[in-house]
Amino acid sequence: MILRLRSNWNGVMNPNNKNNYWYCLSLGDGMMAPMPSAEIEEKFQQSFVAAGKPDDMAVFTRPESEGRLHCEIMAYFSPAAGDVAKAFDAEPCAKPARAGLGLLAGKQICWSMLFPESEA
């Protein structure tokens, strides 16, 4: 399967601070998303273990429709998962809003680390 990329680069990040980049990748529609999701989980686990299982390393998914009849599943890679994102040619994007996200890979503690504004 060839993954279609979606560019979310809005210039909202400081290009001099690449460590804060989030990345996004379209996994296709809900019917096709399980295959690339499994590939991402596998690659993530390898990198996650090699990196010492950092609490802030995670991949999230969310169905997004943007007014279309069918939704596409988007994957969002935290900055610490940048190497995994790059392996799938994901593109830099703004930090996603927490609403509607599901944790695809990573520790549960990542929620409070990556979305502290949601803890209030």
PDB file of N, CA and C in Angstrom:
ATOM      1  N   MET A   1       0.829  -1.178   0.000  1.00  0.00           N
ATOM      2  CA  MET A   1       0.000   0.000   0.000  1.00  0.00           C
ATOM      3  C   MET A   1       0.875   1.243   0.000  1.00  0.00           C
ATOM      4  N   ILE A   2       0.529   2.217  -0.797  1.00  0.00           N
ATOM      5  CA  ILE A   2       1.248   3.475  -0.843  1.00  0.00           C
ATOM      6  C   ILE A   2       0.496   4.482   0.010  1.00  0.00           C
ATOM      7  N   LEU A   3       1.180   5.029   0.991  1.00  0.00           N
ATOM      8  CA  LEU A   3       0.546   5.995   1.880  1.00  0.00           C
ATOM      9  C   LEU A   3       0.556   7.371   1.236  1.00  0.00           C
ATOM     10  N   ARG A   4      -0.578   8.042   1.262  1.00  0.00           N
ATOM     11  CA  ARG A   4      -0.690   9.394   0.724  1.00  0.00           C
ATOM     12  C   ARG A   4      -0.385  10.376   1.843  1.00  0.00           C
ATOM     13  N   LEU A   5       0.505  11.311   1.558  1.00  0.00           N
ATOM     14  CA  LEU A   5       0.887  12.287   2.555  1.00  0.00           C
ATOM     15  C   LEU A   5      -0.038  13.492   2.518  1.00  0.00           C
ATOM     16  N   ARG A   6      -0.202  14.088   3.655  1.00  0.00           N
ATOM     17  CA  ARG A   6      -1.006  15.303   3.758  1.00  0.00           C
ATOM     18  C   ARG A   6      -0.149  16.363   4.428  1.00  0.00           C
ATOM     19  N   SER A   7       0.015  17.469   3.769  1.00  0.00           N
ATOM     20  CA  SER A   7       0.856  18.524   4.314  1.00  0.00           C
ATOM     21  C   SER A   7       0.067  19.405   5.265  1.00  0.00           C
ATOM     22  N   ASN A   8       0.547  19.520   6.485  1.00  0.00           N
ATOM     23  CA  ASN A   8      -0.069  20.386   7.481  1.00  0.00           C
ATOM     24  C   ASN A   8       0.887  21.482   7.906  1.00  0.00           C
ATOM     25  N   TRP A   9       1.929  21.716   7.154  1.00  0.00           N
ATOM     26  CA  TRP A   9       2.919  22.710   7.536  1.00  0.00           C
ATOM     27  C   TRP A   9       2.293  24.087   7.440  1.00  0.00           C
ATOM     28  N   ASN A  10       2.111  24.711   8.570  1.00  0.00           N
ATOM     29  CA  ASN A  10       1.482  26.021   8.626  1.00  0.00           C
ATOM     30  C   ASN A  10       2.442  27.097   9.093  1.00  0.00           C
ATOM     31  N   GLY A  11       3.715  26.769   9.192  1.00  0.00           N
ATOM     32  CA  GLY A  11       4.682  27.735   9.659  1.00  0.00           C
ATOM     33  C   GLY A  11       4.519  28.075  11.136  1.00  0.00           C
ATOM     34  N   VAL A  12       3.842  27.219  11.903  1.00  0.00           N
ATOM     35  CA  VAL A  12       3.588  27.516  13.306  1.00  0.00           C
ATOM     36  C   VAL A  12       4.725  27.060  14.204  1.00  0.00           C
ATOM     37  N   MET A  13       5.693  26.373  13.637  1.00  0.00           N
ATOM     38  CA  MET A  13       6.807  25.886  14.437  1.00  0.00           C
ATOM     39  C   MET A  13       8.052  26.681  14.094  1.00  0.00           C
ATOM     40  N   ASN A  14       8.964  26.737  15.010  1.00  0.00           N
ATOM     41  CA  ASN A  14      10.232  27.396  14.784  1.00  0.00           C
ATOM     42  C   ASN A  14      11.116  26.453  13.977  1.00  0.00           C
ATOM     43  N   PRO A  15      11.464  26.806  12.723  1.00  0.00           N
ATOM     44  CA  PRO A  15      12.269  25.894  11.902  1.00  0.00           C
ATOM     45  C   PRO A  15      13.661  25.653  12.462  1.00  0.00           C
ATOM     46  N   ASN A  16      14.099  26.475  13.414  1.00  0.00           N
ATOM     47  CA  ASN A  16      15.406  26.275  14.019  1.00  0.00           C
ATOM     48  C   ASN A  16      15.374  25.276  15.166  1.00  0.00           C
ATOM     49  N   ASN A  17      14.192  24.854  15.584  1.00  0.00           N
ATOM     50  CA  ASN A  17      14.056  23.925  16.695  1.00  0.00           C
ATOM     51  C   ASN A  17      13.369  22.650  16.221  1.00  0.00           C
ATOM     52  N   LYS A  18      14.103  21.834  15.493  1.00  0.00           N
ATOM     53  CA  LYS A  18      13.541  20.627  14.898  1.00  0.00           C
ATOM     54  C   LYS A  18      13.106  19.605  15.941  1.00  0.00           C
ATOM     55  N   ASN A  19      13.572  19.712  17.175  1.00  0.00           N
ATOM     56  CA  ASN A  19      13.192  18.770  18.220  1.00  0.00           C
ATOM     57  C   ASN A  19      11.746  18.927  18.657  1.00  0.00           C
ATOM     58  N   ASN A  20      11.099  20.023  18.287  1.00  0.00           N
ATOM     59  CA  ASN A  20       9.718  20.243  18.682  1.00  0.00           C
ATOM     60  C   ASN A  20       8.734  19.957  17.568  1.00  0.00           C
ATOM     61  N   TYR A  21       9.189  19.413  16.477  1.00  0.00           N
ATOM     62  CA  TYR A  21       8.302  19.115  15.351  1.00  0.00           C
ATOM     63  C   TYR A  21       7.398  17.937  15.668  1.00  0.00           C
ATOM     64  N   TRP A  22       6.131  18.107  15.421  1.00  0.00           N
ATOM     65  CA  TRP A  22       5.210  16.995  15.347  1.00  0.00           C
ATOM     66  C   TRP A  22       5.174  16.612  13.874  1.00  0.00           C
ATOM     67  N   TYR A  23       4.758  15.393  13.589  1.00  0.00           N
ATOM     68  CA  TYR A  23       4.657  14.920  12.210  1.00  0.00           C
ATOM     69  C   TYR A  23       3.290  14.290  12.012  1.00  0.00           C
ATOM     70  N   CYS A  24       2.784  14.362  10.792  1.00  0.00           N
ATOM     71  CA  CYS A  24       1.502  13.734  10.496  1.00  0.00           C
ATOM     72  C   CYS A  24       1.602  12.949   9.191  1.00  0.00           C
ATOM     73  N   LEU A  25       0.717  11.978   9.081  1.00  0.00           N
ATOM     74  CA  LEU A  25       0.697  11.090   7.928  1.00  0.00           C
ATOM     75  C   LEU A  25      -0.713  10.554   7.753  1.00  0.00           C
ATOM     76  N   SER A  26      -1.202  10.619   6.540  1.00  0.00           N
ATOM     77  CA  SER A  26      -2.503  10.023   6.252  1.00  0.00           C
ATOM     78  C   SER A  26      -2.342   8.513   6.118  1.00  0.00           C
ATOM     79  N   LEU A  27      -3.195   7.782   6.808  1.00  0.00           N
ATOM     80  CA  LEU A  27      -3.175   6.318   6.728  1.00  0.00           C
ATOM     81  C   LEU A  27      -4.260   5.811   5.779  1.00  0.00           C
ATOM     82  N   GLY A  28      -4.952   6.721   5.130  1.00  0.00           N
ATOM     83  CA  GLY A  28      -6.031   6.348   4.229  1.00  0.00           C
ATOM     84  C   GLY A  28      -7.356   6.325   4.964  1.00  0.00           C
ATOM     85  N   ASP A  29      -8.352   5.740   4.326  1.00  0.00           N
ATOM     86  CA  ASP A  29      -9.668   5.705   4.961  1.00  0.00           C
ATOM     87  C   ASP A  29      -9.700   4.627   6.045  1.00  0.00           C
ATOM     88  N   GLY A  30     -10.783   4.597   6.788  1.00  0.00           N
ATOM     89  CA  GLY A  30     -10.907   3.668   7.908  1.00  0.00           C
ATOM     90  C   GLY A  30     -10.769   2.203   7.524  1.00  0.00           C
ATOM     91  N   MET A  31     -11.114   1.863   6.298  1.00  0.00           N
ATOM     92  CA  MET A  31     -11.014   0.464   5.844  1.00  0.00           C
ATOM     93  C   MET A  31      -9.566   0.065   5.565  1.00  0.00           C
ATOM     94  N   MET A  32      -8.757   1.029   5.127  1.00  0.00           N
ATOM     95  CA  MET A  32      -7.384   0.718   4.729  1.00  0.00           C
ATOM     96  C   MET A  32      -6.358   0.982   5.840  1.00  0.00           C
ATOM     97  N   ALA A  33      -6.731   1.739   6.845  1.00  0.00           N
ATOM     98  CA  ALA A  33      -5.786   2.190   7.870  1.00  0.00           C
ATOM     99  C   ALA A  33      -5.157   1.087   8.727  1.00  0.00           C
ATOM    100  N   PRO A  34      -5.809  -0.044   8.968  1.00  0.00           N
ATOM    101  CA  PRO A  34      -5.178  -1.039   9.846  1.00  0.00           C
ATOM    102  C   PRO A  34      -3.816  -1.549   9.358  1.00  0.00           C
ATOM    103  N   MET A  35      -3.618  -1.678   8.057  1.00  0.00           N
ATOM    104  CA  MET A  35      -2.341  -2.191   7.558  1.00  0.00           C
ATOM    105  C   MET A  35      -1.190  -1.212   7.842  1.00  0.00           C
ATOM    106  N   PRO A  36      -1.305   0.058   7.424  1.00  0.00           N
ATOM    107  CA  PRO A  36      -0.196   0.957   7.758  1.00  0.00           C
ATOM    108  C   PRO A  36      -0.077   1.201   9.263  1.00  0.00           C
ATOM    109  N   SER A  37      -1.176   1.140   9.991  1.00  0.00           N
ATOM    110  CA  SER A  37      -1.107   1.293  11.449  1.00  0.00           C
ATOM    111  C   SER A  37      -0.240   0.205  12.065  1.00  0.00           C
ATOM    112  N   ALA A  38      -0.402  -1.014  11.594  1.00  0.00           N
ATOM    113  CA  ALA A  38       0.393  -2.133  12.102  1.00  0.00           C
ATOM    114  C   ALA A  38       1.873  -1.956  11.756  1.00  0.00           C
ATOM    115  N   GLU A  39       2.144  -1.455  10.558  1.00  0.00           N
ATOM    116  CA  GLU A  39       3.530  -1.203  10.160  1.00  0.00           C
ATOM    117  C   GLU A  39       4.159  -0.128  11.048  1.00  0.00           C
ATOM    118  N   ILE A  40       3.403   0.910  11.342  1.00  0.00           N
ATOM    119  CA  ILE A  40       3.901   1.979  12.202  1.00  0.00           C
ATOM    120  C   ILE A  40       4.145   1.448  13.612  1.00  0.00           C
ATOM    121  N   GLU A  41       3.199   0.657  14.138  1.00  0.00           N
ATOM    122  CA  GLU A  41       3.376   0.083  15.482  1.00  0.00           C
ATOM    123  C   GLU A  41       4.641  -0.767  15.564  1.00  0.00           C
ATOM    124  N   GLU A  42       4.889  -1.565  14.537  1.00  0.00           N
ATOM    125  CA  GLU A  42       6.073  -2.430  14.533  1.00  0.00           C
ATOM    126  C   GLU A  42       7.356  -1.604  14.535  1.00  0.00           C
ATOM    127  N   LYS A  43       7.444  -0.632  13.656  1.00  0.00           N
ATOM    128  CA  LYS A  43       8.633   0.221  13.583  1.00  0.00           C
ATOM    129  C   LYS A  43       8.784   1.022  14.877  1.00  0.00           C
ATOM    130  N   PHE A  44       7.658   1.519  15.391  1.00  0.00           N
ATOM    131  CA  PHE A  44       7.690   2.289  16.635  1.00  0.00           C
ATOM    132  C   PHE A  44       8.272   1.445  17.765  1.00  0.00           C
ATOM    133  N   GLN A  45       7.797   0.219  17.935  1.00  0.00           N
ATOM    134  CA  GLN A  45       8.262  -0.627  19.040  1.00  0.00           C
ATOM    135  C   GLN A  45       9.768  -0.843  18.987  1.00  0.00           C
ATOM    136  N   GLN A  46      10.294  -1.048  17.793  1.00  0.00           N
ATOM    137  CA  GLN A  46      11.741  -1.225  17.644  1.00  0.00           C
ATOM    138  C   GLN A  46      12.484   0.033  18.100  1.00  0.00           C
ATOM    139  N   SER A  47      12.036   1.181  17.620  1.00  0.00           N
ATOM    140  CA  SER A  47      12.682   2.445  17.962  1.00  0.00           C
ATOM    141  C   SER A  47      12.469   2.804  19.428  1.00  0.00           C
ATOM    142  N   PHE A  48      11.278   2.500  19.942  1.00  0.00           N
ATOM    143  CA  PHE A  48      10.901   2.796  21.320  1.00  0.00           C
ATOM    144  C   PHE A  48      11.837   2.063  22.289  1.00  0.00           C
ATOM    145  N   VAL A  49      12.045   0.781  22.059  1.00  0.00           N
ATOM    146  CA  VAL A  49      12.930  -0.020  22.908  1.00  0.00           C
ATOM    147  C   VAL A  49      14.366   0.484  22.786  1.00  0.00           C
ATOM    148  N   ALA A  50      14.809   0.750  21.551  1.00  0.00           N
ATOM    149  CA  ALA A  50      16.180   1.219  21.328  1.00  0.00           C
ATOM    150  C   ALA A  50      16.434   2.562  22.007  1.00  0.00           C
ATOM    151  N   ALA A  51      15.395   3.397  22.118  1.00  0.00           N
ATOM    152  CA  ALA A  51      15.528   4.724  22.742  1.00  0.00           C
ATOM    153  C   ALA A  51      15.361   4.676  24.261  1.00  0.00           C
ATOM    154  N   GLY A  52      15.101   3.504  24.819  1.00  0.00           N
ATOM    155  CA  GLY A  52      14.926   3.385  26.267  1.00  0.00           C
ATOM    156  C   GLY A  52      13.503   3.653  26.740  1.00  0.00           C
ATOM    157  N   LYS A  53      12.530   3.490  25.842  1.00  0.00           N
ATOM    158  CA  LYS A  53      11.102   3.659  26.134  1.00  0.00           C
ATOM    159  C   LYS A  53      10.774   5.018  26.768  1.00  0.00           C
ATOM    160  N   PRO A  54      11.120   6.100  26.087  1.00  0.00           N
ATOM    161  CA  PRO A  54      10.836   7.428  26.657  1.00  0.00           C
ATOM    162  C   PRO A  54       9.339   7.696  26.799  1.00  0.00           C
ATOM    163  N   ASP A  55       8.985   8.372  27.887  1.00  0.00           N
ATOM    164  CA  ASP A  55       7.572   8.648  28.180  1.00  0.00           C
ATOM    165  C   ASP A  55       6.908   9.550  27.156  1.00  0.00           C
ATOM    166  N   ASP A  56       7.690  10.389  26.475  1.00  0.00           N
ATOM    167  CA  ASP A  56       7.115  11.351  25.541  1.00  0.00           C
ATOM    168  C   ASP A  56       7.154  10.883  24.082  1.00  0.00           C
ATOM    169  N   MET A  57       7.490   9.636  23.864  1.00  0.00           N
ATOM    170  CA  MET A  57       7.532   9.079  22.508  1.00  0.00           C
ATOM    171  C   MET A  57       6.213   8.360  22.254  1.00  0.00           C
ATOM    172  N   ALA A  58       5.441   8.853  21.263  1.00  0.00           N
ATOM    173  CA  ALA A  58       4.115   8.296  21.019  1.00  0.00           C
ATOM    174  C   ALA A  58       3.643   8.561  19.604  1.00  0.00           C
ATOM    175  N   VAL A  59       2.683   7.740  19.188  1.00  0.00           N
ATOM    176  CA  VAL A  59       1.975   7.945  17.927  1.00  0.00           C
ATOM    177  C   VAL A  59       0.486   7.887  18.240  1.00  0.00           C
ATOM    178  N   PHE A  60      -0.232   8.869  17.743  1.00  0.00           N
ATOM    179  CA  PHE A  60      -1.672   8.970  17.942  1.00  0.00           C
ATOM    180  C   PHE A  60      -2.373   8.881  16.600  1.00  0.00           C
ATOM    181  N   THR A  61      -3.622   8.498  16.618  1.00  0.00           N
ATOM    182  CA  THR A  61      -4.426   8.506  15.389  1.00  0.00           C
ATOM    183  C   THR A  61      -5.751   9.204  15.660  1.00  0.00           C
ATOM    184  N   ARG A  62      -6.339   9.708  14.590  1.00  0.00           N
ATOM    185  CA  ARG A  62      -7.650  10.342  14.696  1.00  0.00           C
ATOM    186  C   ARG A  62      -8.307  10.301  13.317  1.00  0.00           C
ATOM    187  N   PRO A  63      -9.594   9.951  13.262  1.00  0.00           N
ATOM    188  CA  PRO A  63     -10.329  10.048  12.000  1.00  0.00           C
ATOM    189  C   PRO A  63     -10.680  11.513  11.740  1.00  0.00           C
ATOM    190  N   GLU A  64     -10.428  11.968  10.538  1.00  0.00           N
ATOM    191  CA  GLU A  64     -10.716  13.350  10.168  1.00  0.00           C
ATOM    192  C   GLU A  64     -11.460  13.365   8.851  1.00  0.00           C
ATOM    193  N   SER A  65     -12.537  14.148   8.804  1.00  0.00           N
ATOM    194  CA  SER A  65     -13.347  14.178   7.578  1.00  0.00           C
ATOM    195  C   SER A  65     -13.282  15.513   6.858  1.00  0.00           C
ATOM    196  N   GLU A  66     -13.075  16.600   7.580  1.00  0.00           N
ATOM    197  CA  GLU A  66     -12.991  17.932   6.979  1.00  0.00           C
ATOM    198  C   GLU A  66     -14.108  18.167   5.973  1.00  0.00           C
ATOM    199  N   GLY A  67     -15.313  17.769   6.331  1.00  0.00           N
ATOM    200  CA  GLY A  67     -16.466  18.013   5.475  1.00  0.00           C
ATOM    201  C   GLY A  67     -16.686  16.995   4.371  1.00  0.00           C
ATOM    202  N   ARG A  68     -15.822  16.001   4.270  1.00  0.00           N
ATOM    203  CA  ARG A  68     -15.979  14.965   3.240  1.00  0.00           C
ATOM    204  C   ARG A  68     -16.910  13.865   3.745  1.00  0.00           C
ATOM    205  N   LEU A  69     -17.454  13.110   2.826  1.00  0.00           N
ATOM    206  CA  LEU A  69     -18.337  12.010   3.187  1.00  0.00           C
ATOM    207  C   LEU A  69     -17.576  10.932   3.973  1.00  0.00           C
ATOM    208  N   HIS A  70     -16.388  10.580   3.503  1.00  0.00           N
ATOM    209  CA  HIS A  70     -15.582   9.545   4.145  1.00  0.00           C
ATOM    210  C   HIS A  70     -14.425  10.189   4.896  1.00  0.00           C
ATOM    211  N   CYS A  71     -14.100   9.631   6.048  1.00  0.00           N
ATOM    212  CA  CYS A  71     -12.986  10.174   6.820  1.00  0.00           C
ATOM    213  C   CYS A  71     -11.690   9.488   6.415  1.00  0.00           C
ATOM    214  N   GLU A  72     -10.603  10.160   6.684  1.00  0.00           N
ATOM    215  CA  GLU A  72      -9.292   9.542   6.556  1.00  0.00           C
ATOM    216  C   GLU A  72      -8.703   9.477   7.949  1.00  0.00           C
ATOM    217  N   ILE A  73      -7.904   8.470   8.182  1.00  0.00           N
ATOM    218  CA  ILE A  73      -7.254   8.302   9.474  1.00  0.00           C
ATOM    219  C   ILE A  73      -5.892   8.979   9.395  1.00  0.00           C
ATOM    220  N   MET A  74      -5.677   9.900  10.314  1.00  0.00           N
ATOM    221  CA  MET A  74      -4.399  10.601  10.370  1.00  0.00           C
ATOM    222  C   MET A  74      -3.589  10.071  11.543  1.00  0.00           C
ATOM    223  N   ALA A  75      -2.302   9.890  11.318  1.00  0.00           N
ATOM    224  CA  ALA A  75      -1.375   9.522  12.384  1.00  0.00           C
ATOM    225  C   ALA A  75      -0.572  10.759  12.747  1.00  0.00           C
ATOM    226  N   TYR A  76      -0.408  10.982  14.045  1.00  0.00           N
ATOM    227  CA  TYR A  76       0.380  12.104  14.557  1.00  0.00           C
ATOM    228  C   TYR A  76       1.506  11.544  15.411  1.00  0.00           C
ATOM    229  N   PHE A  77       2.735  11.910  15.061  1.00  0.00           N
ATOM    230  CA  PHE A  77       3.930  11.429  15.741  1.00  0.00           C
ATOM    231  C   PHE A  77       4.461  12.545  16.642  1.00  0.00           C
ATOM    232  N   SER A  78       4.665  12.238  17.910  1.00  0.00           N
ATOM    233  CA  SER A  78       5.225  13.239  18.823  1.00  0.00           C
ATOM    234  C   SER A  78       6.656  13.558  18.386  1.00  0.00           C
ATOM    235  N   PRO A  79       7.189  14.687  18.855  1.00  0.00           N
ATOM    236  CA  PRO A  79       8.569  15.025  18.486  1.00  0.00           C
ATOM    237  C   PRO A  79       9.577  13.914  18.792  1.00  0.00           C
ATOM    238  N   ALA A  80       9.401  13.207  19.896  1.00  0.00           N
ATOM    239  CA  ALA A  80      10.330  12.136  20.253  1.00  0.00           C
ATOM    240  C   ALA A  80      10.224  10.934  19.309  1.00  0.00           C
ATOM    241  N   ALA A  81       9.138  10.847  18.557  1.00  0.00           N
ATOM    242  CA  ALA A  81       8.955   9.764  17.581  1.00  0.00           C
ATOM    243  C   ALA A  81       9.310  10.232  16.166  1.00  0.00           C
ATOM    244  N   GLY A  82      10.077  11.297  16.083  1.00  0.00           N
ATOM    245  CA  GLY A  82      10.444  11.868  14.786  1.00  0.00           C
ATOM    246  C   GLY A  82      11.138  10.899  13.849  1.00  0.00           C
ATOM    247  N   ASP A  83      12.015  10.057  14.381  1.00  0.00           N
ATOM    248  CA  ASP A  83      12.713   9.100  13.511  1.00  0.00           C
ATOM    249  C   ASP A  83      11.741   8.085  12.911  1.00  0.00           C
ATOM    250  N   VAL A  84      10.761   7.686  13.685  1.00  0.00           N
ATOM    251  CA  VAL A  84       9.735   6.766  13.172  1.00  0.00           C
ATOM    252  C   VAL A  84       8.933   7.480  12.088  1.00  0.00           C
ATOM    253  N   ALA A  85       8.551   8.714  12.346  1.00  0.00           N
ATOM    254  CA  ALA A  85       7.784   9.499  11.379  1.00  0.00           C
ATOM    255  C   ALA A  85       8.544   9.635  10.065  1.00  0.00           C
ATOM    256  N   LYS A  86       9.811   9.937  10.167  1.00  0.00           N
ATOM    257  CA  LYS A  86      10.640  10.118   8.960  1.00  0.00           C
ATOM    258  C   LYS A  86      10.759   8.817   8.168  1.00  0.00           C
ATOM    259  N   ALA A  87      10.745   7.680   8.857  1.00  0.00           N
ATOM    260  CA  ALA A  87      10.820   6.390   8.173  1.00  0.00           C
ATOM    261  C   ALA A  87       9.604   6.161   7.276  1.00  0.00           C
ATOM    262  N   PHE A  88       8.500   6.836   7.589  1.00  0.00           N
ATOM    263  CA  PHE A  88       7.273   6.710   6.795  1.00  0.00           C
ATOM    264  C   PHE A  88       7.007   7.954   5.952  1.00  0.00           C
ATOM    265  N   ASP A  89       8.012   8.828   5.848  1.00  0.00           N
ATOM    266  CA  ASP A  89       7.900  10.068   5.072  1.00  0.00           C
ATOM    267  C   ASP A  89       6.764  10.954   5.558  1.00  0.00           C
ATOM    268  N   ALA A  90       6.512  10.943   6.863  1.00  0.00           N
ATOM    269  CA  ALA A  90       5.513  11.845   7.433  1.00  0.00           C
ATOM    270  C   ALA A  90       6.036  13.272   7.321  1.00  0.00           C
ATOM    271  N   GLU A  91       5.126  14.211   7.342  1.00  0.00           N
ATOM    272  CA  GLU A  91       5.485  15.615   7.167  1.00  0.00           C
ATOM    273  C   GLU A  91       5.322  16.387   8.470  1.00  0.00           C
ATOM    274  N   PRO A  92       6.130  17.432   8.653  1.00  0.00           N
ATOM    275  CA  PRO A  92       5.967  18.269   9.846  1.00  0.00           C
ATOM    276  C   PRO A  92       4.568  18.875   9.878  1.00  0.00           C
ATOM    277  N   CYS A  93       4.040  19.017  11.075  1.00  0.00           N
ATOM    278  CA  CYS A  93       2.717  19.616  11.231  1.00  0.00           C
ATOM    279  C   CYS A  93       2.625  20.280  12.594  1.00  0.00           C
ATOM    280  N   ALA A  94       1.571  21.027  12.786  1.00  0.00           N
ATOM    281  CA  ALA A  94       1.312  21.628  14.091  1.00  0.00           C
ATOM    282  C   ALA A  94       0.930  20.532  15.076  1.00  0.00           C
ATOM    283  N   LYS A  95       1.143  20.796  16.344  1.00  0.00           N
ATOM    284  CA  LYS A  95       0.717  19.868  17.380  1.00  0.00           C
ATOM    285  C   LYS A  95      -0.801  19.695  17.267  1.00  0.00           C
ATOM    286  N   PRO A  96      -1.271  18.454  17.225  1.00  0.00           N
ATOM    287  CA  PRO A  96      -2.724  18.257  17.095  1.00  0.00           C
ATOM    288  C   PRO A  96      -3.453  18.590  18.400  1.00  0.00           C
ATOM    289  N   ALA A  97      -4.701  18.958  18.270  1.00  0.00           N
ATOM    290  CA  ALA A  97      -5.547  19.107  19.451  1.00  0.00           C
ATOM    291  C   ALA A  97      -5.780  17.709  20.025  1.00  0.00           C
ATOM    292  N   ARG A  98      -5.929  17.607  21.320  1.00  0.00           N
ATOM    293  CA  ARG A  98      -6.103  16.297  21.963  1.00  0.00           C
ATOM    294  C   ARG A  98      -7.454  15.647  21.625  1.00  0.00           C
ATOM    295  N   ALA A  99      -8.480  16.457  21.430  1.00  0.00           N
ATOM    296  CA  ALA A  99      -9.831  15.931  21.195  1.00  0.00           C
ATOM    297  C   ALA A  99      -9.858  14.931  20.045  1.00  0.00           C
ATOM    298  N   GLY A 100     -10.377  13.752  20.337  1.00  0.00           N
ATOM    299  CA  GLY A 100     -10.551  12.724  19.318  1.00  0.00           C
ATOM    300  C   GLY A 100      -9.343  11.852  19.035  1.00  0.00           C
ATOM    301  N   LEU A 101      -8.209  12.146  19.667  1.00  0.00           N
ATOM    302  CA  LEU A 101      -7.011  11.338  19.431  1.00  0.00           C
ATOM    303  C   LEU A 101      -7.105  10.004  20.164  1.00  0.00           C
ATOM    304  N   GLY A 102      -6.516   8.994  19.567  1.00  0.00           N
ATOM    305  CA  GLY A 102      -6.355   7.700  20.203  1.00  0.00           C
ATOM    306  C   GLY A 102      -4.882   7.352  20.211  1.00  0.00           C
ATOM    307  N   LEU A 103      -4.414   6.702  21.248  1.00  0.00           N
ATOM    308  CA  LEU A 103      -3.009   6.323  21.354  1.00  0.00           C
ATOM    309  C   LEU A 103      -2.774   5.039  20.562  1.00  0.00           C
ATOM    310  N   LEU A 104      -1.987   5.139  19.511  1.00  0.00           N
ATOM    311  CA  LEU A 104      -1.636   3.969  18.702  1.00  0.00           C
ATOM    312  C   LEU A 104      -0.441   3.245  19.313  1.00  0.00           C
ATOM    313  N   ALA A 105       0.558   4.017  19.757  1.00  0.00           N
ATOM    314  CA  ALA A 105       1.771   3.411  20.306  1.00  0.00           C
ATOM    315  C   ALA A 105       2.407   4.365  21.304  1.00  0.00           C
ATOM    316  N   GLY A 106       2.904   3.812  22.399  1.00  0.00           N
ATOM    317  CA  GLY A 106       3.534   4.615  23.438  1.00  0.00           C
ATOM    318  C   GLY A 106       2.926   4.291  24.793  1.00  0.00           C
ATOM    319  N   LYS A 107       3.438   4.945  25.824  1.00  0.00           N
ATOM    320  CA  LYS A 107       2.951   4.741  27.188  1.00  0.00           C
ATOM    321  C   LYS A 107       1.770   5.663  27.475  1.00  0.00           C
ATOM    322  N   GLN A 108       0.895   5.241  28.363  1.00  0.00           N
ATOM    323  CA  GLN A 108      -0.252   6.072  28.753  1.00  0.00           C
ATOM    324  C   GLN A 108       0.176   7.404  29.363  1.00  0.00           C
ATOM    325  N   ILE A 109       1.323   7.424  30.027  1.00  0.00           N
ATOM    326  CA  ILE A 109       1.804   8.659  30.663  1.00  0.00           C
ATOM    327  C   ILE A 109       2.047   9.759  29.639  1.00  0.00           C
ATOM    328  N   CYS A 110       2.191   9.396  28.384  1.00  0.00           N
ATOM    329  CA  CYS A 110       2.478  10.395  27.355  1.00  0.00           C
ATOM    330  C   CYS A 110       1.375  11.455  27.265  1.00  0.00           C
ATOM    331  N   TRP A 111       0.137  11.076  27.591  1.00  0.00           N
ATOM    332  CA  TRP A 111      -0.971  12.041  27.510  1.00  0.00           C
ATOM    333  C   TRP A 111      -0.678  13.268  28.358  1.00  0.00           C
ATOM    334  N   SER A 112      -0.292  13.061  29.613  1.00  0.00           N
ATOM    335  CA  SER A 112      -0.060  14.197  30.500  1.00  0.00           C
ATOM    336  C   SER A 112       1.219  14.946  30.137  1.00  0.00           C
ATOM    337  N   MET A 113       2.158  14.262  29.543  1.00  0.00           N
ATOM    338  CA  MET A 113       3.406  14.922  29.146  1.00  0.00           C
ATOM    339  C   MET A 113       3.227  15.744  27.875  1.00  0.00           C
ATOM    340  N   LEU A 114       2.502  15.203  26.922  1.00  0.00           N
ATOM    341  CA  LEU A 114       2.374  15.861  25.623  1.00  0.00           C
ATOM    342  C   LEU A 114       1.185  16.817  25.536  1.00  0.00           C
ATOM    343  N   PHE A 115       0.202  16.613  26.407  1.00  0.00           N
ATOM    344  CA  PHE A 115      -0.985  17.469  26.411  1.00  0.00           C
ATOM    345  C   PHE A 115      -1.280  17.963  27.835  1.00  0.00           C
ATOM    346  N   PRO A 116      -0.323  18.619  28.479  1.00  0.00           N
ATOM    347  CA  PRO A 116      -0.529  19.052  29.865  1.00  0.00           C
ATOM    348  C   PRO A 116      -1.672  20.052  30.007  1.00  0.00           C
ATOM    349  N   GLU A 117      -1.964  20.770  28.950  1.00  0.00           N
ATOM    350  CA  GLU A 117      -3.057  21.753  28.996  1.00  0.00           C
ATOM    351  C   GLU A 117      -4.407  21.083  29.188  1.00  0.00           C
ATOM    352  N   SER A 118      -4.493  19.789  28.876  1.00  0.00           N
ATOM    353  CA  SER A 118      -5.743  19.047  29.017  1.00  0.00           C
ATOM    354  C   SER A 118      -5.959  18.506  30.424  1.00  0.00           C
ATOM    355  N   GLU A 119      -4.962  18.629  31.267  1.00  0.00           N
ATOM    356  CA  GLU A 119      -5.020  18.074  32.616  1.00  0.00           C
ATOM    357  C   GLU A 119      -5.768  18.973  33.602  1.00  0.00           C
ATOM    358  N   ALA A 120      -6.001  20.199  33.224  1.00  0.00           N
ATOM    359  CA  ALA A 120      -6.616  21.165  34.160  1.00  0.00           C
ATOM    360  C   ALA A 120      -8.035  20.823  34.509  1.00  0.00           C
TER     361      ALA A 120
END
